[in-house]
PDB file of all heavy atoms in Angstrom:
ATOM      1  N   ALA A   1      78.246 103.948  95.088  1.00  0.00           N
ATOM      2  CA  ALA A   1      77.841 103.662  96.461  1.00  0.00           C
ATOM      3  C   ALA A   1      78.999 103.226  97.357  1.00  0.00           C
ATOM      4  O   ALA A   1      78.959 103.443  98.562  1.00  0.00           O
ATOM      5  CB  ALA A   1      76.763 102.580  96.464  1.00  0.00           C
ATOM      6  N   LYS A   2      80.020 102.598  96.781  1.00  0.00           N
ATOM      7  CA  LYS A   2      81.085 102.029  97.599  1.00  0.00           C
ATOM      8  C   LYS A   2      82.347 102.885  97.539  1.00  0.00           C
ATOM      9  O   LYS A   2      82.962 103.025  96.479  1.00  0.00           O
ATOM     10  CB  LYS A   2      81.416 100.606  97.141  1.00  0.00           C
ATOM     11  CG  LYS A   2      82.386  99.909  98.055  1.00  0.00           C
ATOM     12  CD  LYS A   2      82.585  98.466  97.670  1.00  0.00           C
ATOM     13  CE  LYS A   2      83.553  97.826  98.647  1.00  0.00           C
ATOM     14  NZ  LYS A   2      83.877  96.465  98.294  1.00  0.00           N
ATOM     15  N   LYS A   3      82.710 103.458  98.686  1.00  0.00           N
ATOM     16  CA  LYS A   3      83.938 104.246  98.758  1.00  0.00           C
ATOM     17  C   LYS A   3      84.756 103.798  99.966  1.00  0.00           C
ATOM     18  O   LYS A   3      84.235 103.165 100.885  1.00  0.00           O
ATOM     19  CB  LYS A   3      83.636 105.739  98.833  1.00  0.00           C
ATOM     20  CG  LYS A   3      82.916 106.182 100.071  1.00  0.00           C
ATOM     21  CD  LYS A   3      82.697 107.680 100.041  1.00  0.00           C
ATOM     22  CE  LYS A   3      82.073 108.145 101.328  1.00  0.00           C
ATOM     23  NZ  LYS A   3      81.918 109.577 101.383  1.00  0.00           N
ATOM     24  N   LEU A   4      86.030 104.129  99.956  1.00  0.00           N
ATOM     25  CA  LEU A   4      86.913 103.730 101.042  1.00  0.00           C
ATOM     26  C   LEU A   4      86.694 104.596 102.273  1.00  0.00           C
ATOM     27  O   LEU A   4      86.534 105.812 102.163  1.00  0.00           O
ATOM     28  CB  LEU A   4      88.374 103.843 100.603  1.00  0.00           C
ATOM     29  CG  LEU A   4      88.818 102.889  99.510  1.00  0.00           C
ATOM     30  CD1 LEU A   4      90.253 103.193  99.119  1.00  0.00           C
ATOM     31  CD2 LEU A   4      88.688 101.455  99.960  1.00  0.00           C
ATOM     32  N   LYS A   5      86.716 103.983 103.423  1.00  0.00           N
ATOM     33  CA  LYS A   5      86.597 104.702 104.688  1.00  0.00           C
ATOM     34  C   LYS A   5      87.980 105.193 105.109  1.00  0.00           C
ATOM     35  O   LYS A   5      88.995 104.639 104.666  1.00  0.00           O
ATOM     36  CB  LYS A   5      86.031 103.775 105.755  1.00  0.00           C
ATOM     37  CG  LYS A   5      84.623 103.346 105.459  1.00  0.00           C
ATOM     38  CD  LYS A   5      84.110 102.416 106.523  1.00  0.00           C
ATOM     39  CE  LYS A   5      82.696 101.985 106.169  1.00  0.00           C
ATOM     40  NZ  LYS A   5      82.144 101.056 107.140  1.00  0.00           N
ATOM     41  N   PRO A   6      88.042 106.206 105.959  1.00  0.00           N
ATOM     42  CA  PRO A   6      89.354 106.676 106.421  1.00  0.00           C
ATOM     43  C   PRO A   6      90.134 105.559 107.121  1.00  0.00           C
ATOM     44  O   PRO A   6      89.646 104.948 108.066  1.00  0.00           O
ATOM     45  CB  PRO A   6      88.998 107.785 107.408  1.00  0.00           C
ATOM     46  CG  PRO A   6      87.679 108.281 106.942  1.00  0.00           C
ATOM     47  CD  PRO A   6      86.962 107.056 106.430  1.00  0.00           C
ATOM     48  N   SER A   7      91.298 105.263 106.605  1.00  0.00           N
ATOM     49  CA  SER A   7      92.161 104.213 107.137  1.00  0.00           C
ATOM     50  C   SER A   7      93.433 104.171 106.301  1.00  0.00           C
ATOM     51  O   SER A   7      93.637 104.986 105.413  1.00  0.00           O
ATOM     52  CB  SER A   7      91.441 102.866 107.084  1.00  0.00           C
ATOM     53  OG  SER A   7      92.204 101.887 107.741  1.00  0.00           O
ATOM     54  N   ARG A   8      94.281 103.171 106.552  1.00  0.00           N
ATOM     55  CA  ARG A   8      95.481 102.932 105.759  1.00  0.00           C
ATOM     56  C   ARG A   8      95.193 101.804 104.789  1.00  0.00           C
ATOM     57  O   ARG A   8      94.522 100.830 105.127  1.00  0.00           O
ATOM     58  CB  ARG A   8      96.641 102.537 106.655  1.00  0.00           C
ATOM     59  CG  ARG A   8      97.068 103.628 107.564  1.00  0.00           C
ATOM     60  CD  ARG A   8      98.174 103.138 108.451  1.00  0.00           C
ATOM     61  NE  ARG A   8      98.531 104.166 109.419  1.00  0.00           N
ATOM     62  CZ  ARG A   8      99.385 103.997 110.379  1.00  0.00           C
ATOM     63  NH1 ARG A   8      99.987 102.841 110.546  1.00  0.00           N
ATOM     64  NH2 ARG A   8      99.654 104.979 111.204  1.00  0.00           N
ATOM     65  N   TYR A   9      95.725 101.925 103.563  1.00  0.00           N
ATOM     66  CA  TYR A   9      95.473 100.935 102.529  1.00  0.00           C
ATOM     67  C   TYR A   9      96.753 100.607 101.788  1.00  0.00           C
ATOM     68  O   TYR A   9      97.699 101.380 101.767  1.00  0.00           O
ATOM     69  CB  TYR A   9      94.434 101.455 101.529  1.00  0.00           C
ATOM     70  CG  TYR A   9      93.074 101.614 102.135  1.00  0.00           C
ATOM     71  CD1 TYR A   9      92.674 102.830 102.680  1.00  0.00           C
ATOM     72  CD2 TYR A   9      92.186 100.554 102.177  1.00  0.00           C
ATOM     73  CE1 TYR A   9      91.419 102.979 103.248  1.00  0.00           C
ATOM     74  CE2 TYR A   9      90.931 100.693 102.736  1.00  0.00           C
ATOM     75  CZ  TYR A   9      90.558 101.909 103.271  1.00  0.00           C
ATOM     76  OH  TYR A   9      89.338 102.042 103.837  1.00  0.00           O
ATOM     77  N   LYS A  10      96.748  99.455 101.139  1.00  0.00           N
ATOM     78  CA  LYS A  10      97.841  99.028 100.271  1.00  0.00           C
ATOM     79  C   LYS A  10      97.231  98.739  98.907  1.00  0.00           C
ATOM     80  O   LYS A  10      96.262  97.977  98.792  1.00  0.00           O
ATOM     81  CB  LYS A  10      98.512  97.774 100.819  1.00  0.00           C
ATOM     82  CG  LYS A  10      99.618  97.250  99.941  1.00  0.00           C
ATOM     83  CD  LYS A  10     100.225  95.993 100.551  1.00  0.00           C
ATOM     84  CE  LYS A  10     101.294  95.403  99.677  1.00  0.00           C
ATOM     85  NZ  LYS A  10     101.811  94.152 100.241  1.00  0.00           N
ATOM     86  N   LEU A  11      97.785  99.334  97.865  1.00  0.00           N
ATOM     87  CA  LEU A  11      97.313  99.155  96.500  1.00  0.00           C
ATOM     88  C   LEU A  11      98.309  98.290  95.756  1.00  0.00           C
ATOM     89  O   LEU A  11      99.510  98.540  95.804  1.00  0.00           O
ATOM     90  CB  LEU A  11      97.199 100.520  95.804  1.00  0.00           C
ATOM     91  CG  LEU A  11      96.947 100.509  94.314  1.00  0.00           C
ATOM     92  CD1 LEU A  11      95.529 100.034  94.042  1.00  0.00           C
ATOM     93  CD2 LEU A  11      97.156 101.886  93.740  1.00  0.00           C
ATOM     94  N   THR A  12      97.813  97.274  95.067  1.00  0.00           N
ATOM     95  CA  THR A  12      98.652  96.419  94.239  1.00  0.00           C
ATOM     96  C   THR A  12      98.140  96.499  92.811  1.00  0.00           C
ATOM     97  O   THR A  12      96.954  96.283  92.563  1.00  0.00           O
ATOM     98  CB  THR A  12      98.626  94.958  94.726  1.00  0.00           C
ATOM     99  OG1 THR A  12      99.037  94.919  96.092  1.00  0.00           O
ATOM    100  CG2 THR A  12      99.547  94.090  93.905  1.00  0.00           C
ATOM    101  N   VAL A  13      99.030  96.830  91.878  1.00  0.00           N
ATOM    102  CA  VAL A  13      98.673  96.989  90.465  1.00  0.00           C
ATOM    103  C   VAL A  13      99.385  95.910  89.661  1.00  0.00           C
ATOM    104  O   VAL A  13     100.576  95.679  89.849  1.00  0.00           O
ATOM    105  CB  VAL A  13      99.081  98.382  89.947  1.00  0.00           C
ATOM    106  CG1 VAL A  13      98.758  98.534  88.482  1.00  0.00           C
ATOM    107  CG2 VAL A  13      98.423  99.471  90.765  1.00  0.00           C
ATOM    108  N   ARG A  14      98.635  95.288  88.766  1.00  0.00           N
ATOM    109  CA  ARG A  14      99.214  94.281  87.875  1.00  0.00           C
ATOM    110  C   ARG A  14      98.534  94.426  86.517  1.00  0.00           C
ATOM    111  O   ARG A  14      97.315  94.406  86.422  1.00  0.00           O
ATOM    112  CB  ARG A  14      98.975  92.888  88.419  1.00  0.00           C
ATOM    113  CG  ARG A  14      99.471  91.809  87.467  1.00  0.00           C
ATOM    114  CD  ARG A  14      99.185  90.454  87.989  1.00  0.00           C
ATOM    115  NE  ARG A  14     100.255  90.140  88.927  1.00  0.00           N
ATOM    116  CZ  ARG A  14     100.348  88.993  89.555  1.00  0.00           C
ATOM    117  NH1 ARG A  14      99.435  88.078  89.407  1.00  0.00           N
ATOM    118  NH2 ARG A  14     101.355  88.775  90.380  1.00  0.00           N
ATOM    119  N   ALA A  15      99.331  94.559  85.476  1.00  0.00           N
ATOM    120  CA  ALA A  15      98.800  94.665  84.115  1.00  0.00           C
ATOM    121  C   ALA A  15      98.716  93.278  83.495  1.00  0.00           C
ATOM    122  O   ALA A  15      99.571  92.434  83.720  1.00  0.00           O
ATOM    123  CB  ALA A  15      99.700  95.554  83.274  1.00  0.00           C
ATOM    124  N   THR A  16      97.651  93.057  82.701  1.00  0.00           N
ATOM    125  CA  THR A  16      97.476  91.806  81.974  1.00  0.00           C
ATOM    126  C   THR A  16      97.301  92.139  80.505  1.00  0.00           C
ATOM    127  O   THR A  16      96.450  92.955  80.147  1.00  0.00           O
ATOM    128  CB  THR A  16      96.240  91.041  82.479  1.00  0.00           C
ATOM    129  OG1 THR A  16      96.364  90.836  83.879  1.00  0.00           O
ATOM    130  CG2 THR A  16      96.109  89.705  81.788  1.00  0.00           C
ATOM    131  N   GLY A  17      98.106  91.537  79.655  1.00  0.00           N
ATOM    132  CA  GLY A  17      98.039  91.792  78.220  1.00  0.00           C
ATOM    133  C   GLY A  17      96.934  90.996  77.549  1.00  0.00           C
ATOM    134  O   GLY A  17      96.302  90.123  78.150  1.00  0.00           O
ATOM    135  N   ALA A  18      96.700  91.298  76.271  1.00  0.00           N
ATOM    136  CA  ALA A  18      95.675  90.597  75.502  1.00  0.00           C
ATOM    137  C   ALA A  18      96.004  89.122  75.369  1.00  0.00           C
ATOM    138  O   ALA A  18      95.106  88.281  75.238  1.00  0.00           O
ATOM    139  CB  ALA A  18      95.536  91.230  74.126  1.00  0.00           C
ATOM    140  N   ASP A  19      97.292  88.775  75.422  1.00  0.00           N
ATOM    141  CA  ASP A  19      97.703  87.381  75.321  1.00  0.00           C
ATOM    142  C   ASP A  19      97.780  86.703  76.689  1.00  0.00           C
ATOM    143  O   ASP A  19      98.363  85.652  76.836  1.00  0.00           O
ATOM    144  CB  ASP A  19      99.042  87.277  74.603  1.00  0.00           C
ATOM    145  CG  ASP A  19     100.120  88.106  75.285  1.00  0.00           C
ATOM    146  OD1 ASP A  19      99.800  88.817  76.255  1.00  0.00           O
ATOM    147  OD2 ASP A  19     101.276  88.028  74.851  1.00  0.00           O
ATOM    148  N   ARG A  20      97.191  87.326  77.711  1.00  0.00           N
ATOM    149  CA  ARG A  20      97.090  86.805  79.083  1.00  0.00           C
ATOM    150  C   ARG A  20      98.404  86.816  79.855  1.00  0.00           C
ATOM    151  O   ARG A  20      98.493  86.227  80.918  1.00  0.00           O
ATOM    152  CB  ARG A  20      96.499  85.399  79.114  1.00  0.00           C
ATOM    153  CG  ARG A  20      95.147  85.275  78.502  1.00  0.00           C
ATOM    154  CD  ARG A  20      94.124  85.721  79.473  1.00  0.00           C
ATOM    155  NE  ARG A  20      92.796  85.460  78.912  1.00  0.00           N
ATOM    156  CZ  ARG A  20      91.728  86.013  79.367  1.00  0.00           C
ATOM    157  NH1 ARG A  20      91.788  86.824  80.386  1.00  0.00           N
ATOM    158  NH2 ARG A  20      90.572  85.756  78.822  1.00  0.00           N
ATOM    159  N   ARG A  21      99.460  87.424  79.326  1.00  0.00           N
ATOM    160  CA  ARG A  21     100.698  87.551  80.093  1.00  0.00           C
ATOM    161  C   ARG A  21     100.511  88.634  81.140  1.00  0.00           C
ATOM    162  O   ARG A  21      99.850  89.637  80.898  1.00  0.00           O
ATOM    163  CB  ARG A  21     101.873  87.917  79.180  1.00  0.00           C
ATOM    164  CG  ARG A  21     102.245  86.803  78.235  1.00  0.00           C
ATOM    165  CD  ARG A  21     103.494  87.118  77.479  1.00  0.00           C
ATOM    166  NE  ARG A  21     103.412  88.447  76.895  1.00  0.00           N
ATOM    167  CZ  ARG A  21     104.460  89.202  76.584  1.00  0.00           C
ATOM    168  NH1 ARG A  21     105.669  88.748  76.756  1.00  0.00           N
ATOM    169  NH2 ARG A  21     104.301  90.385  76.072  1.00  0.00           N
ATOM    170  N   ARG A  22     101.087  88.422  82.324  1.00  0.00           N
ATOM    171  CA  ARG A  22     100.940  89.374  83.424  1.00  0.00           C
ATOM    172  C   ARG A  22     102.271  90.022  83.759  1.00  0.00           C
ATOM    173  O   ARG A  22     103.311  89.384  83.705  1.00  0.00           O
ATOM    174  CB  ARG A  22     100.425  88.669  84.667  1.00  0.00           C
ATOM    175  CG  ARG A  22      99.010  88.228  84.562  1.00  0.00           C
ATOM    176  CD  ARG A  22      98.584  87.605  85.861  1.00  0.00           C
ATOM    177  NE  ARG A  22      97.156  87.415  85.884  1.00  0.00           N
ATOM    178  CZ  ARG A  22      96.509  86.955  86.917  1.00  0.00           C
ATOM    179  NH1 ARG A  22      97.155  86.614  88.008  1.00  0.00           N
ATOM    180  NH2 ARG A  22      95.210  86.824  86.876  1.00  0.00           N
ATOM    181  N   SER A  23     102.184  91.276  84.165  1.00  0.00           N
ATOM    182  CA  SER A  23     103.387  91.966  84.623  1.00  0.00           C
ATOM    183  C   SER A  23     103.630  91.625  86.085  1.00  0.00           C
ATOM    184  O   SER A  23     102.779  91.051  86.756  1.00  0.00           O
ATOM    185  CB  SER A  23     103.213  93.480  84.478  1.00  0.00           C
ATOM    186  OG  SER A  23     102.232  93.943  85.389  1.00  0.00           O
ATOM    187  N   ALA A  24     104.787  92.004  86.562  1.00  0.00           N
ATOM    188  CA  ALA A  24     105.077  91.832  87.990  1.00  0.00           C
ATOM    189  C   ALA A  24     104.210  92.816  88.778  1.00  0.00           C
ATOM    190  O   ALA A  24     104.013  93.950  88.350  1.00  0.00           O
ATOM    191  CB  ALA A  24     106.552  92.096  88.254  1.00  0.00           C
ATOM    192  N   PRO A  25     103.668  92.409  89.911  1.00  0.00           N
ATOM    193  CA  PRO A  25     102.850  93.331  90.699  1.00  0.00           C
ATOM    194  C   PRO A  25     103.701  94.438  91.323  1.00  0.00           C
ATOM    195  O   PRO A  25     104.835  94.224  91.720  1.00  0.00           O
ATOM    196  CB  PRO A  25     102.231  92.444  91.775  1.00  0.00           C
ATOM    197  CG  PRO A  25     103.074  91.234  91.828  1.00  0.00           C
ATOM    198  CD  PRO A  25     103.727  91.080  90.506  1.00  0.00           C
ATOM    199  N   VAL A  26     103.117  95.634  91.379  1.00  0.00           N
ATOM    200  CA  VAL A  26     103.753  96.791  91.999  1.00  0.00           C
ATOM    201  C   VAL A  26     102.811  97.277  93.094  1.00  0.00           C
ATOM    202  O   VAL A  26     101.617  97.426  92.868  1.00  0.00           O
ATOM    203  CB  VAL A  26     104.008  97.912  90.968  1.00  0.00           C
ATOM    204  CG1 VAL A  26     104.594  99.129  91.631  1.00  0.00           C
ATOM    205  CG2 VAL A  26     104.898  97.406  89.856  1.00  0.00           C
TER     206      VAL A  26
END
């Protein structure tokens, strides 16, 4: 039901390991 409307967006990706350590956001 929920999709993005036409516009500009910024995506931030961050990985989290099983031991709860996080990568730097990209």
